[in-house]
Amino acid sequence: MEPEQPEYVDTSNVDCDGGGGPLGHPKVFLKIGETGEAVCPYCSRRYVLSADAKTGSGH
């Protein structure tokens, strides 16, 4: 089985509920750190910060 493609996001704070509905999971809030990605502890979905995303560095 191939791993899911990462989901590219524009902010360093994301939330995941596994897609909602009966196959979902409790909503969790994830922070993308220095690695540039975060992985949901429930469903293993990978969130990757896009190259042109706002990093909140005050620019």
PDB file of N, CA and C in Angstrom:
ATOM      1  N   MET A   1       0.842  -1.183   0.000  1.00  0.00           N
ATOM      2  CA  MET A   1       0.000   0.000   0.000  1.00  0.00           C
ATOM      3  C   MET A   1       0.886   1.245   0.000  1.00  0.00           C
ATOM      4  N   GLU A   2       0.604   2.156  -0.910  1.00  0.00           N
ATOM      5  CA  GLU A   2       1.395   3.382  -1.009  1.00  0.00           C
ATOM      6  C   GLU A   2       0.951   4.389   0.041  1.00  0.00           C
ATOM      7  N   PRO A   3       1.901   5.154   0.594  1.00  0.00           N
ATOM      8  CA  PRO A   3       1.506   6.191   1.556  1.00  0.00           C
ATOM      9  C   PRO A   3       0.714   7.287   0.860  1.00  0.00           C
ATOM     10  N   GLU A   4      -0.166   7.936   1.625  1.00  0.00           N
ATOM     11  CA  GLU A   4      -0.961   9.042   1.077  1.00  0.00           C
ATOM     12  C   GLU A   4      -0.053  10.187   0.664  1.00  0.00           C
ATOM     13  N   GLN A   5      -0.481  10.912  -0.335  1.00  0.00           N
ATOM     14  CA  GLN A   5       0.228  12.112  -0.740  1.00  0.00           C
ATOM     15  C   GLN A   5       0.086  13.148   0.370  1.00  0.00           C
ATOM     16  N   PRO A   6       1.112  13.944   0.603  1.00  0.00           N
ATOM     17  CA  PRO A   6       0.995  14.965   1.642  1.00  0.00           C
ATOM     18  C   PRO A   6      -0.016  16.031   1.251  1.00  0.00           C
ATOM     19  N   GLU A   7      -0.578  16.664   2.236  1.00  0.00           N
ATOM     20  CA  GLU A   7      -1.487  17.779   2.002  1.00  0.00           C
ATOM     21  C   GLU A   7      -0.704  19.064   2.234  1.00  0.00           C
ATOM     22  N   TYR A   8      -0.598  19.883   1.202  1.00  0.00           N
ATOM     23  CA  TYR A   8       0.154  21.132   1.294  1.00  0.00           C
ATOM     24  C   TYR A   8      -0.740  22.211   1.862  1.00  0.00           C
ATOM     25  N   VAL A   9      -0.236  22.924   2.867  1.00  0.00           N
ATOM     26  CA  VAL A   9      -1.012  23.946   3.552  1.00  0.00           C
ATOM     27  C   VAL A   9      -0.252  25.265   3.543  1.00  0.00           C
ATOM     28  N   ASP A  10      -0.981  26.365   3.776  1.00  0.00           N
ATOM     29  CA  ASP A  10      -0.396  27.709   3.727  1.00  0.00           C
ATOM     30  C   ASP A  10      -0.111  28.311   5.093  1.00  0.00           C
ATOM     31  N   THR A  11      -0.476  27.605   6.164  1.00  0.00           N
ATOM     32  CA  THR A  11      -0.222  28.103   7.513  1.00  0.00           C
ATOM     33  C   THR A  11       0.452  27.017   8.337  1.00  0.00           C
ATOM     34  N   SER A  12       1.145  27.437   9.403  1.00  0.00           N
ATOM     35  CA  SER A  12       1.867  26.462  10.220  1.00  0.00           C
ATOM     36  C   SER A  12       0.979  25.822  11.287  1.00  0.00           C
ATOM     37  N   ASN A  13      -0.277  26.246  11.388  1.00  0.00           N
ATOM     38  CA  ASN A  13      -1.233  25.632  12.312  1.00  0.00           C
ATOM     39  C   ASN A  13      -2.344  24.998  11.494  1.00  0.00           C
ATOM     40  N   VAL A  14      -2.547  23.692  11.670  1.00  0.00           N
ATOM     41  CA  VAL A  14      -3.580  22.980  10.927  1.00  0.00           C
ATOM     42  C   VAL A  14      -4.392  22.132  11.896  1.00  0.00           C
ATOM     43  N   ASP A  15      -5.589  21.741  11.457  1.00  0.00           N
ATOM     44  CA  ASP A  15      -6.377  20.802  12.247  1.00  0.00           C
ATOM     45  C   ASP A  15      -6.757  19.623  11.364  1.00  0.00           C
ATOM     46  N   CYS A  16      -6.934  18.474  11.982  1.00  0.00           N
ATOM     47  CA  CYS A  16      -7.274  17.259  11.244  1.00  0.00           C
ATOM     48  C   CYS A  16      -8.367  16.519  11.994  1.00  0.00           C
ATOM     49  N   ASP A  17      -9.387  16.072  11.253  1.00  0.00           N
ATOM     50  CA  ASP A  17     -10.437  15.253  11.860  1.00  0.00           C
ATOM     51  C   ASP A  17     -10.605  13.942  11.096  1.00  0.00           C
ATOM     52  N   GLY A  18      -9.607  13.614  10.301  1.00  0.00           N
ATOM     53  CA  GLY A  18      -9.636  12.350   9.565  1.00  0.00           C
ATOM     54  C   GLY A  18     -10.641  12.327   8.430  1.00  0.00           C
ATOM     55  N   GLY A  19     -11.141  13.470   8.047  1.00  0.00           N
ATOM     56  CA  GLY A  19     -12.104  13.522   6.956  1.00  0.00           C
ATOM     57  C   GLY A  19     -13.535  13.588   7.435  1.00  0.00           C
ATOM     58  N   GLY A  20     -13.741  13.564   8.740  1.00  0.00           N
ATOM     59  CA  GLY A  20     -15.085  13.679   9.293  1.00  0.00           C
ATOM     60  C   GLY A  20     -15.926  12.437   9.045  1.00  0.00           C
ATOM     61  N   GLY A  21     -17.169  12.531   9.404  1.00  0.00           N
ATOM     62  CA  GLY A  21     -18.085  11.419   9.230  1.00  0.00           C
ATOM     63  C   GLY A  21     -17.727  10.227  10.101  1.00  0.00           C
ATOM     64  N   PRO A  22     -18.318   9.067   9.810  1.00  0.00           N
ATOM     65  CA  PRO A  22     -18.098   7.884  10.647  1.00  0.00           C
ATOM     66  C   PRO A  22     -16.667   7.338  10.587  1.00  0.00           C
ATOM     67  N   LEU A  23     -15.914   7.705   9.563  1.00  0.00           N
ATOM     68  CA  LEU A  23     -14.539   7.221   9.449  1.00  0.00           C
ATOM     69  C   LEU A  23     -13.524   8.211  10.001  1.00  0.00           C
ATOM     70  N   GLY A  24     -13.999   9.318  10.549  1.00  0.00           N
ATOM     71  CA  GLY A  24     -13.111  10.348  11.076  1.00  0.00           C
ATOM     72  C   GLY A  24     -12.602  10.006  12.464  1.00  0.00           C
ATOM     73  N   HIS A  25     -11.978  10.985  13.084  1.00  0.00           N
ATOM     74  CA  HIS A  25     -11.472  10.853  14.444  1.00  0.00           C
ATOM     75  C   HIS A  25     -11.635  12.192  15.144  1.00  0.00           C
ATOM     76  N   PRO A  26     -11.389  12.257  16.444  1.00  0.00           N
ATOM     77  CA  PRO A  26     -11.500  13.552  17.129  1.00  0.00           C
ATOM     78  C   PRO A  26     -10.589  14.585  16.482  1.00  0.00           C
ATOM     79  N   LYS A  27     -11.052  15.821  16.412  1.00  0.00           N
ATOM     80  CA  LYS A  27     -10.255  16.892  15.803  1.00  0.00           C
ATOM     81  C   LYS A  27      -9.025  17.157  16.656  1.00  0.00           C
ATOM     82  N   VAL A  28      -7.871  17.188  16.003  1.00  0.00           N
ATOM     83  CA  VAL A  28      -6.619  17.528  16.678  1.00  0.00           C
ATOM     84  C   VAL A  28      -6.008  18.722  15.967  1.00  0.00           C
ATOM     85  N   PHE A  29      -5.283  19.524  16.709  1.00  0.00           N
ATOM     86  CA  PHE A  29      -4.626  20.700  16.164  1.00  0.00           C
ATOM     87  C   PHE A  29      -3.135  20.427  16.129  1.00  0.00           C
ATOM     88  N   LEU A  30      -2.529  20.656  14.974  1.00  0.00           N
ATOM     89  CA  LEU A  30      -1.123  20.346  14.757  1.00  0.00           C
ATOM     90  C   LEU A  30      -0.353  21.616  14.425  1.00  0.00           C
ATOM     91  N   LYS A  31       0.878  21.694  14.864  1.00  0.00           N
ATOM     92  CA  LYS A  31       1.755  22.833  14.561  1.00  0.00           C
ATOM     93  C   LYS A  31       2.902  22.320  13.711  1.00  0.00           C
ATOM     94  N   ILE A  32       3.094  22.940  12.572  1.00  0.00           N
ATOM     95  CA  ILE A  32       4.190  22.571  11.691  1.00  0.00           C
ATOM     96  C   ILE A  32       5.430  23.289  12.189  1.00  0.00           C
ATOM     97  N   GLY A  33       6.433  22.540  12.547  1.00  0.00           N
ATOM     98  CA  GLY A  33       7.653  23.099  13.125  1.00  0.00           C
ATOM     99  C   GLY A  33       8.758  23.282  12.103  1.00  0.00           C
ATOM    100  N   GLU A  34       9.990  23.238  12.578  1.00  0.00           N
ATOM    101  CA  GLU A  34      11.165  23.487  11.744  1.00  0.00           C
ATOM    102  C   GLU A  34      11.341  22.462  10.634  1.00  0.00           C
ATOM    103  N   THR A  35      10.777  21.272  10.808  1.00  0.00           N
ATOM    104  CA  THR A  35      10.901  20.245   9.771  1.00  0.00           C
ATOM    105  C   THR A  35      10.065  20.573   8.546  1.00  0.00           C
ATOM    106  N   GLY A  36       9.079  21.486   8.709  1.00  0.00           N
ATOM    107  CA  GLY A  36       8.227  21.869   7.586  1.00  0.00           C
ATOM    108  C   GLY A  36       7.054  20.937   7.377  1.00  0.00           C
ATOM    109  N   GLU A  37       6.846  19.991   8.330  1.00  0.00           N
ATOM    110  CA  GLU A  37       5.701  19.106   8.197  1.00  0.00           C
ATOM    111  C   GLU A  37       5.213  18.652   9.565  1.00  0.00           C
ATOM    112  N   ALA A  38       3.969  18.163   9.591  1.00  0.00           N
ATOM    113  CA  ALA A  38       3.370  17.601  10.792  1.00  0.00           C
ATOM    114  C   ALA A  38       2.583  16.369  10.372  1.00  0.00           C
ATOM    115  N   VAL A  39       2.521  15.377  11.256  1.00  0.00           N
ATOM    116  CA  VAL A  39       1.807  14.136  10.966  1.00  0.00           C
ATOM    117  C   VAL A  39       0.727  13.935  12.017  1.00  0.00           C
ATOM    118  N   CYS A  40      -0.478  13.647  11.565  1.00  0.00           N
ATOM    119  CA  CYS A  40      -1.591  13.414  12.476  1.00  0.00           C
ATOM    120  C   CYS A  40      -1.350  12.116  13.252  1.00  0.00           C
ATOM    121  N   PRO A  41      -1.475  12.150  14.578  1.00  0.00           N
ATOM    122  CA  PRO A  41      -1.247  10.937  15.367  1.00  0.00           C
ATOM    123  C   PRO A  41      -2.349   9.894  15.212  1.00  0.00           C
ATOM    124  N   TYR A  42      -3.509  10.283  14.710  1.00  0.00           N
ATOM    125  CA  TYR A  42      -4.609   9.341  14.524  1.00  0.00           C
ATOM    126  C   TYR A  42      -4.569   8.654  13.169  1.00  0.00           C
ATOM    127  N   CYS A  43      -4.492   9.440  12.094  1.00  0.00           N
ATOM    128  CA  CYS A  43      -4.643   8.867  10.756  1.00  0.00           C
ATOM    129  C   CYS A  43      -3.363   8.912   9.928  1.00  0.00           C
ATOM    130  N   SER A  44      -2.298   9.477  10.483  1.00  0.00           N
ATOM    131  CA  SER A  44      -0.989   9.561   9.819  1.00  0.00           C
ATOM    132  C   SER A  44      -0.979  10.438   8.575  1.00  0.00           C
ATOM    133  N   ARG A  45      -1.993  11.289   8.415  1.00  0.00           N
ATOM    134  CA  ARG A  45      -1.992  12.231   7.294  1.00  0.00           C
ATOM    135  C   ARG A  45      -0.854  13.221   7.497  1.00  0.00           C
ATOM    136  N   ARG A  46      -0.101  13.462   6.414  1.00  0.00           N
ATOM    137  CA  ARG A  46       1.033  14.391   6.483  1.00  0.00           C
ATOM    138  C   ARG A  46       0.626  15.750   5.954  1.00  0.00           C
ATOM    139  N   TYR A  47       0.929  16.783   6.722  1.00  0.00           N
ATOM    140  CA  TYR A  47       0.696  18.159   6.314  1.00  0.00           C
ATOM    141  C   TYR A  47       2.052  18.800   6.100  1.00  0.00           C
ATOM    142  N   VAL A  48       2.246  19.376   4.912  1.00  0.00           N
ATOM    143  CA  VAL A  48       3.520  19.984   4.552  1.00  0.00           C
ATOM    144  C   VAL A  48       3.292  21.453   4.262  1.00  0.00           C
ATOM    145  N   LEU A  49       4.136  22.287   4.839  1.00  0.00           N
ATOM    146  CA  LEU A  49       4.033  23.723   4.620  1.00  0.00           C
ATOM    147  C   LEU A  49       4.500  24.040   3.213  1.00  0.00           C
ATOM    148  N   SER A  50       3.639  24.698   2.422  1.00  0.00           N
ATOM    149  CA  SER A  50       4.005  25.028   1.051  1.00  0.00           C
ATOM    150  C   SER A  50       5.126  26.064   1.029  1.00  0.00           C
ATOM    151  N   ALA A  51       5.865  26.099  -0.051  1.00  0.00           N
ATOM    152  CA  ALA A  51       7.041  26.966  -0.164  1.00  0.00           C
ATOM    153  C   ALA A  51       6.695  28.446  -0.040  1.00  0.00           C
ATOM    154  N   ASP A  52       5.508  28.847  -0.473  1.00  0.00           N
ATOM    155  CA  ASP A  52       5.137  30.259  -0.428  1.00  0.00           C
ATOM    156  C   ASP A  52       4.235  30.590   0.759  1.00  0.00           C
ATOM    157  N   ALA A  53       4.205  29.719   1.763  1.00  0.00           N
ATOM    158  CA  ALA A  53       3.337  29.909   2.926  1.00  0.00           C
ATOM    159  C   ALA A  53       3.859  31.017   3.834  1.00  0.00           C
ATOM    160  N   LYS A  54       2.922  31.611   4.568  1.00  0.00           N
ATOM    161  CA  LYS A  54       3.293  32.608   5.563  1.00  0.00           C
ATOM    162  C   LYS A  54       3.804  31.861   6.802  1.00  0.00           C
ATOM    163  N   THR A  55       4.972  32.223   7.251  1.00  0.00           N
ATOM    164  CA  THR A  55       5.575  31.524   8.390  1.00  0.00           C
ATOM    165  C   THR A  55       5.316  32.228   9.703  1.00  0.00           C
ATOM    166  N   GLY A  56       4.722  33.396   9.671  1.00  0.00           N
ATOM    167  CA  GLY A  56       4.466  34.131  10.895  1.00  0.00           C
ATOM    168  C   GLY A  56       5.724  34.780  11.447  1.00  0.00           C
ATOM    169  N   SER A  57       6.695  35.035  10.573  1.00  0.00           N
ATOM    170  CA  SER A  57       7.961  35.613  11.034  1.00  0.00           C
ATOM    171  C   SER A  57       7.929  37.146  11.090  1.00  0.00           C
ATOM    172  N   GLY A  58       6.748  37.732  10.837  1.00  0.00           N
ATOM    173  CA  GLY A  58       6.609  39.174  10.957  1.00  0.00           C
ATOM    174  C   GLY A  58       6.906  39.935   9.688  1.00  0.00           C
ATOM    175  N   HIS A  59       6.979  39.273   8.541  1.00  0.00           N
ATOM    176  CA  HIS A  59       7.236  39.947   7.256  1.00  0.00           C
ATOM    177  C   HIS A  59       5.996  40.617   6.743  1.00  0.00           C
TER     178      HIS A  59
END
